[in-house]
């Protein structure tokens, strides 16, 4: 069996960098919604996955999305993530994390901070994508980049939505040569995200 080249600690180095936003910004206590539509509890729990997919629902984080039945799901709380989904080849992974922010950020402001931290943390980072997107019905942002972790080339697609003082982060990680193998699955997971 091929050794998993992307162990969880390497995968989540990037998530940890982004989650270190706590302490940034002002003490603004404004909790105005930042343009993210709310889904009702019913909308979160009643998404109908297509054949070959199941619905993941987190009532704690008030979100849901579909995932491929061929992927293994495991608790990610010991690695700074909430839940991790591992592809059949064990190299590609999709995870999500939640960050409570010290102040209200727009999704674009959050993206700018994330890019700055990534550039500071990795001298040889190549941004392939840097754009606003839709994550389900929500306005989001996506960064896709290549970097080296040790001598291992890694491709990451980091997508996020900021709602009030909470950032919802979704990370698809693999090697550049395997990126296309599961990018459609990762896209389907993102497209199905519903946040209350």
Foldseek 3Di string as FASTA:
>chain_A
DDDQPCDLQNVCVLVVLLLVQAVDDDQAPDQDWQQFDADDLCLFPVDDDDPQWDKDADVVQQKIFIAGPQWDKDACVVRQFGIKTAHNVRFKIKTKHKHQYSFADAQVRSLVSSVVSVVVVAVDKAWPDWAWDQQAPTIKIWTWIWGQDPNAIKIKIWMWGGTRRMIMIMIIIGHPVCCVVCVVRSSRRRNGMHHD
